[in-house]
């Protein structure tokens, strides 16, 4: 019996939250989980949007790459 393991080399994840602190917590949690599968942060892109009611909305895209 032959087993073959393919390692993930690239992974892009999207995050969203109503405040910056919640967004940061979500990203940090995922960084720890991806570290277990040998992926590190390659780049982070983020945006903030303010709707017509003045509420803020934060999004981020994190690109993980094999270490």
PDB file of N, CA and C in Angstrom:
ATOM      1  N   UNK A   1       0.844  -1.175   0.000  1.00  0.00           N
ATOM      2  CA  UNK A   1       0.000   0.000   0.000  1.00  0.00           C
ATOM      3  C   UNK A   1       0.891   1.241   0.000  1.00  0.00           C
ATOM      4  N   UNK A   2       0.613   2.169  -0.883  1.00  0.00           N
ATOM      5  CA  UNK A   2       1.402   3.383  -1.029  1.00  0.00           C
ATOM      6  C   UNK A   2       0.610   4.591  -0.533  1.00  0.00           C
ATOM      7  N   UNK A   3       1.210   5.378   0.338  1.00  0.00           N
ATOM      8  CA  UNK A   3       0.595   6.617   0.804  1.00  0.00           C
ATOM      9  C   UNK A   3       1.369   7.786   0.236  1.00  0.00           C
ATOM     10  N   UNK A   4       0.634   8.759  -0.261  1.00  0.00           N
ATOM     11  CA  UNK A   4       1.274   9.955  -0.782  1.00  0.00           C
ATOM     12  C   UNK A   4       0.631  11.172  -0.128  1.00  0.00           C
ATOM     13  N   UNK A   5       1.472  12.015   0.449  1.00  0.00           N
ATOM     14  CA  UNK A   5       0.981  13.215   1.104  1.00  0.00           C
ATOM     15  C   UNK A   5       1.340  14.433   0.261  1.00  0.00           C
ATOM     16  N   UNK A   6       0.361  15.221  -0.070  1.00  0.00           N
ATOM     17  CA  UNK A   6       0.593  16.471  -0.785  1.00  0.00           C
ATOM     18  C   UNK A   6       0.452  17.615   0.206  1.00  0.00           C
ATOM     19  N   UNK A   7       1.510  18.387   0.357  1.00  0.00           N
ATOM     20  CA  UNK A   7       1.486  19.517   1.268  1.00  0.00           C
ATOM     21  C   UNK A   7       0.859  20.728   0.587  1.00  0.00           C
ATOM     22  N   UNK A   8       0.119  21.477   1.353  1.00  0.00           N
ATOM     23  CA  UNK A   8      -0.451  22.724   0.852  1.00  0.00           C
ATOM     24  C   UNK A   8       0.678  23.744   0.771  1.00  0.00           C
ATOM     25  N   UNK A   9       0.837  24.373  -0.381  1.00  0.00           N
ATOM     26  CA  UNK A   9       1.900  25.358  -0.549  1.00  0.00           C
ATOM     27  C   UNK A   9       1.393  26.782  -0.474  1.00  0.00           C
ATOM     28  N   UNK A  10       0.177  27.027  -0.924  1.00  0.00           N
ATOM     29  CA  UNK A  10      -0.438  28.355  -0.895  1.00  0.00           C
ATOM     30  C   UNK A  10      -1.867  28.239  -0.401  1.00  0.00           C
ATOM     31  N   UNK A  11      -2.288  29.236   0.347  1.00  0.00           N
ATOM     32  CA  UNK A  11      -3.661  29.253   0.853  1.00  0.00           C
ATOM     33  C   UNK A  11      -4.056  30.717   1.043  1.00  0.00           C
ATOM     34  N   UNK A  12      -5.216  31.092   0.544  1.00  0.00           N
ATOM     35  CA  UNK A  12      -5.728  32.447   0.696  1.00  0.00           C
ATOM     36  C   UNK A  12      -7.022  32.364   1.503  1.00  0.00           C
ATOM     37  N   UNK A  13      -7.102  33.194   2.545  1.00  0.00           N
ATOM     38  CA  UNK A  13      -8.293  33.192   3.396  1.00  0.00           C
ATOM     39  C   UNK A  13      -8.844  34.606   3.514  1.00  0.00           C
ATOM     40  N   UNK A  14     -10.168  34.691   3.639  1.00  0.00           N
ATOM     41  CA  UNK A  14     -10.871  35.964   3.726  1.00  0.00           C
ATOM     42  C   UNK A  14     -11.522  36.089   5.097  1.00  0.00           C
ATOM     43  N   UNK A  15     -11.460  37.285   5.661  1.00  0.00           N
ATOM     44  CA  UNK A  15     -12.009  37.538   6.986  1.00  0.00           C
ATOM     45  C   UNK A  15     -12.860  38.804   6.949  1.00  0.00           C
ATOM     46  N   UNK A  16     -13.857  38.850   7.844  1.00  0.00           N
ATOM     47  CA  UNK A  16     -14.699  40.038   7.961  1.00  0.00           C
ATOM     48  C   UNK A  16     -15.140  40.201   9.403  1.00  0.00           C
ATOM     49  N   UNK A  17     -15.348  41.464   9.804  1.00  0.00           N
ATOM     50  CA  UNK A  17     -15.794  41.745  11.167  1.00  0.00           C
ATOM     51  C   UNK A  17     -16.340  43.168  11.232  1.00  0.00           C
ATOM     52  N   UNK A  18     -17.059  43.440  12.305  1.00  0.00           N
ATOM     53  CA  UNK A  18     -17.624  44.776  12.493  1.00  0.00           C
ATOM     54  C   UNK A  18     -16.672  45.730  13.193  1.00  0.00           C
ATOM     55  N   UNK A  19     -15.609  45.195  13.802  1.00  0.00           N
ATOM     56  CA  UNK A  19     -14.616  46.075  14.409  1.00  0.00           C
ATOM     57  C   UNK A  19     -13.223  45.488  14.193  1.00  0.00           C
ATOM     58  N   UNK A  20     -12.231  46.340  14.332  1.00  0.00           N
ATOM     59  CA  UNK A  20     -10.860  45.950  14.029  1.00  0.00           C
ATOM     60  C   UNK A  20     -10.323  44.913  15.011  1.00  0.00           C
ATOM     61  N   UNK A  21     -10.714  45.013  16.265  1.00  0.00           N
ATOM     62  CA  UNK A  21     -10.237  44.068  17.271  1.00  0.00           C
ATOM     63  C   UNK A  21     -10.734  42.649  16.977  1.00  0.00           C
ATOM     64  N   UNK A  22     -11.983  42.505  16.574  1.00  0.00           N
ATOM     65  CA  UNK A  22     -12.539  41.192  16.232  1.00  0.00           C
ATOM     66  C   UNK A  22     -11.862  40.621  14.989  1.00  0.00           C
ATOM     67  N   UNK A  23     -11.584  41.481  14.030  1.00  0.00           N
ATOM     68  CA  UNK A  23     -10.896  41.043  12.807  1.00  0.00           C
ATOM     69  C   UNK A  23      -9.498  40.541  13.144  1.00  0.00           C
ATOM     70  N   UNK A  24      -8.796  41.266  13.980  1.00  0.00           N
ATOM     71  CA  UNK A  24      -7.448  40.872  14.378  1.00  0.00           C
ATOM     72  C   UNK A  24      -7.468  39.527  15.098  1.00  0.00           C
ATOM     73  N   UNK A  25      -8.440  39.311  15.959  1.00  0.00           N
ATOM     74  CA  UNK A  25      -8.537  38.048  16.695  1.00  0.00           C
ATOM     75  C   UNK A  25      -8.775  36.881  15.743  1.00  0.00           C
ATOM     76  N   UNK A  26      -9.655  37.068  14.754  1.00  0.00           N
ATOM     77  CA  UNK A  26      -9.927  36.013  13.772  1.00  0.00           C
ATOM     78  C   UNK A  26      -8.662  35.662  12.989  1.00  0.00           C
ATOM     79  N   UNK A  27      -7.925  36.676  12.578  1.00  0.00           N
ATOM     80  CA  UNK A  27      -6.713  36.448  11.797  1.00  0.00           C
ATOM     81  C   UNK A  27      -5.653  35.744  12.642  1.00  0.00           C
ATOM     82  N   UNK A  28      -5.464  36.198  13.872  1.00  0.00           N
ATOM     83  CA  UNK A  28      -4.461  35.582  14.748  1.00  0.00           C
ATOM     84  C   UNK A  28      -4.781  34.119  15.032  1.00  0.00           C
ATOM     85  N   UNK A  29      -6.051  33.805  15.216  1.00  0.00           N
ATOM     86  CA  UNK A  29      -6.464  32.416  15.437  1.00  0.00           C
ATOM     87  C   UNK A  29      -6.113  31.557  14.229  1.00  0.00           C
ATOM     88  N   UNK A  30      -6.370  32.073  13.047  1.00  0.00           N
ATOM     89  CA  UNK A  30      -6.085  31.311  11.833  1.00  0.00           C
ATOM     90  C   UNK A  30      -4.591  31.190  11.580  1.00  0.00           C
ATOM     91  N   UNK A  31      -3.826  32.201  11.959  1.00  0.00           N
ATOM     92  CA  UNK A  31      -2.368  32.121  11.821  1.00  0.00           C
ATOM     93  C   UNK A  31      -1.838  30.956  12.648  1.00  0.00           C
ATOM     94  N   UNK A  32      -2.334  30.821  13.881  1.00  0.00           N
ATOM     95  CA  UNK A  32      -1.900  29.719  14.749  1.00  0.00           C
ATOM     96  C   UNK A  32      -2.276  28.364  14.164  1.00  0.00           C
ATOM     97  N   UNK A  33      -3.480  28.259  13.605  1.00  0.00           N
ATOM     98  CA  UNK A  33      -3.911  26.996  13.005  1.00  0.00           C
ATOM     99  C   UNK A  33      -3.078  26.649  11.771  1.00  0.00           C
ATOM    100  N   UNK A  34      -2.772  27.638  10.947  1.00  0.00           N
ATOM    101  CA  UNK A  34      -1.994  27.388   9.736  1.00  0.00           C
ATOM    102  C   UNK A  34      -0.526  27.123  10.044  1.00  0.00           C
ATOM    103  N   UNK A  35      -0.040  27.626  11.158  1.00  0.00           N
ATOM    104  CA  UNK A  35       1.336  27.349  11.566  1.00  0.00           C
ATOM    105  C   UNK A  35       1.512  25.854  11.808  1.00  0.00           C
ATOM    106  N   UNK A  36       0.454  25.198  12.273  1.00  0.00           N
ATOM    107  CA  UNK A  36       0.510  23.757  12.535  1.00  0.00           C
ATOM    108  C   UNK A  36       0.701  22.953  11.246  1.00  0.00           C
ATOM    109  N   UNK A  37       0.276  23.492  10.117  1.00  0.00           N
ATOM    110  CA  UNK A  37       0.466  22.804   8.830  1.00  0.00           C
ATOM    111  C   UNK A  37       1.580  23.461   8.014  1.00  0.00           C
ATOM    112  N   UNK A  38       2.477  24.148   8.735  1.00  0.00           N
ATOM    113  CA  UNK A  38       3.705  24.731   8.176  1.00  0.00           C
ATOM    114  C   UNK A  38       3.462  25.836   7.150  1.00  0.00           C
ATOM    115  N   UNK A  39       2.423  26.627   7.370  1.00  0.00           N
ATOM    116  CA  UNK A  39       2.163  27.777   6.514  1.00  0.00           C
ATOM    117  C   UNK A  39       2.410  29.059   7.305  1.00  0.00           C
ATOM    118  N   UNK A  40       3.081  30.011   6.682  1.00  0.00           N
ATOM    119  CA  UNK A  40       3.322  31.305   7.297  1.00  0.00           C
ATOM    120  C   UNK A  40       2.646  32.396   6.499  1.00  0.00           C
ATOM    121  N   UNK A  41       2.500  33.565   7.088  1.00  0.00           N
ATOM    122  CA  UNK A  41       1.851  34.696   6.416  1.00  0.00           C
ATOM    123  C   UNK A  41       2.797  35.255   5.361  1.00  0.00           C
ATOM    124  N   UNK A  42       2.294  35.342   4.153  1.00  0.00           N
ATOM    125  CA  UNK A  42       3.065  35.921   3.050  1.00  0.00           C
ATOM    126  C   UNK A  42       2.677  37.385   2.851  1.00  0.00           C
ATOM    127  N   UNK A  43       1.363  37.654   2.867  1.00  0.00           N
ATOM    128  CA  UNK A  43       0.907  39.036   2.718  1.00  0.00           C
ATOM    129  C   UNK A  43      -0.490  39.192   3.313  1.00  0.00           C
ATOM    130  N   UNK A  44      -0.800  40.443   3.665  1.00  0.00           N
ATOM    131  CA  UNK A  44      -2.109  40.787   4.230  1.00  0.00           C
ATOM    132  C   UNK A  44      -2.607  42.031   3.519  1.00  0.00           C
ATOM    133  N   UNK A  45      -3.865  42.007   3.125  1.00  0.00           N
ATOM    134  CA  UNK A  45      -4.508  43.162   2.523  1.00  0.00           C
ATOM    135  C   UNK A  45      -5.815  43.406   3.277  1.00  0.00           C
ATOM    136  N   UNK A  46      -6.112  44.650   3.590  1.00  0.00           N
ATOM    137  CA  UNK A  46      -7.325  44.923   4.354  1.00  0.00           C
ATOM    138  C   UNK A  46      -8.018  46.186   3.848  1.00  0.00           C
ATOM    139  N   UNK A  47      -9.298  46.262   4.146  1.00  0.00           N
ATOM    140  CA  UNK A  47     -10.094  47.422   3.763  1.00  0.00           C
ATOM    141  C   UNK A  47     -11.094  47.733   4.854  1.00  0.00           C
ATOM    142  N   UNK A  48     -11.525  48.994   4.883  1.00  0.00           N
ATOM    143  CA  UNK A  48     -12.580  49.412   5.795  1.00  0.00           C
ATOM    144  C   UNK A  48     -13.657  50.118   4.974  1.00  0.00           C
ATOM    145  N   UNK A  49     -14.889  49.838   5.306  1.00  0.00           N
ATOM    146  CA  UNK A  49     -16.011  50.460   4.620  1.00  0.00           C
ATOM    147  C   UNK A  49     -16.923  51.077   5.663  1.00  0.00           C
ATOM    148  N   UNK A  50     -17.426  52.270   5.391  1.00  0.00           N
ATOM    149  CA  UNK A  50     -18.404  52.912   6.268  1.00  0.00           C
ATOM    150  C   UNK A  50     -19.704  52.999   5.484  1.00  0.00           C
ATOM    151  N   UNK A  51     -20.760  52.383   6.030  1.00  0.00           N
ATOM    152  CA  UNK A  51     -22.037  52.408   5.314  1.00  0.00           C
ATOM    153  C   UNK A  51     -22.775  53.718   5.565  1.00  0.00           C
ATOM    154  N   UNK A  52     -23.949  53.866   4.981  1.00  0.00           N
ATOM    155  CA  UNK A  52     -24.702  55.122   5.073  1.00  0.00           C
ATOM    156  C   UNK A  52     -25.154  55.448   6.504  1.00  0.00           C
ATOM    157  N   UNK A  53     -25.173  54.444   7.386  1.00  0.00           N
ATOM    158  CA  UNK A  53     -25.548  54.672   8.788  1.00  0.00           C
ATOM    159  C   UNK A  53     -24.339  55.003   9.656  1.00  0.00           C
ATOM    160  N   UNK A  54     -23.159  55.051   9.076  1.00  0.00           N
ATOM    161  CA  UNK A  54     -21.953  55.368   9.817  1.00  0.00           C
ATOM    162  C   UNK A  54     -21.300  54.167  10.476  1.00  0.00           C
ATOM    163  N   UNK A  55     -21.809  52.972  10.223  1.00  0.00           N
ATOM    164  CA  UNK A  55     -21.217  51.765  10.805  1.00  0.00           C
ATOM    165  C   UNK A  55     -20.015  51.335   9.970  1.00  0.00           C
ATOM    166  N   UNK A  56     -18.969  50.915  10.662  1.00  0.00           N
ATOM    167  CA  UNK A  56     -17.770  50.458   9.957  1.00  0.00           C
ATOM    168  C   UNK A  56     -17.818  48.956   9.745  1.00  0.00           C
ATOM    169  N   UNK A  57     -17.161  48.536   8.690  1.00  0.00           N
ATOM    170  CA  UNK A  57     -17.105  47.131   8.312  1.00  0.00           C
ATOM    171  C   UNK A  57     -15.691  46.860   7.818  1.00  0.00           C
ATOM    172  N   UNK A  58     -15.019  45.894   8.411  1.00  0.00           N
ATOM    173  CA  UNK A  58     -13.627  45.601   8.091  1.00  0.00           C
ATOM    174  C   UNK A  58     -13.510  44.248   7.400  1.00  0.00           C
ATOM    175  N   UNK A  59     -12.659  44.185   6.377  1.00  0.00           N
ATOM    176  CA  UNK A  59     -12.378  42.920   5.698  1.00  0.00           C
ATOM    177  C   UNK A  59     -10.869  42.786   5.527  1.00  0.00           C
ATOM    178  N   UNK A  60     -10.425  41.541   5.406  1.00  0.00           N
ATOM    179  CA  UNK A  60      -8.997  41.294   5.180  1.00  0.00           C
ATOM    180  C   UNK A  60      -8.832  40.032   4.354  1.00  0.00           C
ATOM    181  N   UNK A  61      -7.769  40.023   3.566  1.00  0.00           N
ATOM    182  CA  UNK A  61      -7.367  38.856   2.796  1.00  0.00           C
ATOM    183  C   UNK A  61      -5.945  38.524   3.253  1.00  0.00           C
ATOM    184  N   UNK A  62      -5.741  37.283   3.684  1.00  0.00           N
ATOM    185  CA  UNK A  62      -4.420  36.853   4.146  1.00  0.00           C
ATOM    186  C   UNK A  62      -3.943  35.724   3.244  1.00  0.00           C
ATOM    187  N   UNK A  63      -2.745  35.902   2.690  1.00  0.00           N
ATOM    188  CA  UNK A  63      -2.139  34.890   1.831  1.00  0.00           C
ATOM    189  C   UNK A  63      -1.104  34.142   2.663  1.00  0.00           C
ATOM    190  N   UNK A  64      -1.307  32.845   2.816  1.00  0.00           N
ATOM    191  CA  UNK A  64      -0.367  31.989   3.542  1.00  0.00           C
ATOM    192  C   UNK A  64       0.450  31.204   2.537  1.00  0.00           C
ATOM    193  N   UNK A  65       1.754  31.041   2.821  1.00  0.00           N
ATOM    194  CA  UNK A  65       2.648  30.265   1.963  1.00  0.00           C
ATOM    195  C   UNK A  65       3.432  29.267   2.806  1.00  0.00           C
ATOM    196  N   UNK A  66       3.860  28.207   2.159  1.00  0.00           N
ATOM    197  CA  UNK A  66       4.682  27.193   2.819  1.00  0.00           C
ATOM    198  C   UNK A  66       5.989  27.832   3.293  1.00  0.00           C
ATOM    199  N   UNK A  67       6.407  27.486   4.494  1.00  0.00           N
ATOM    200  CA  UNK A  67       7.652  28.036   5.059  1.00  0.00           C
ATOM    201  C   UNK A  67       8.857  27.371   4.422  1.00  0.00           C
TER     202      UNK A  67
END
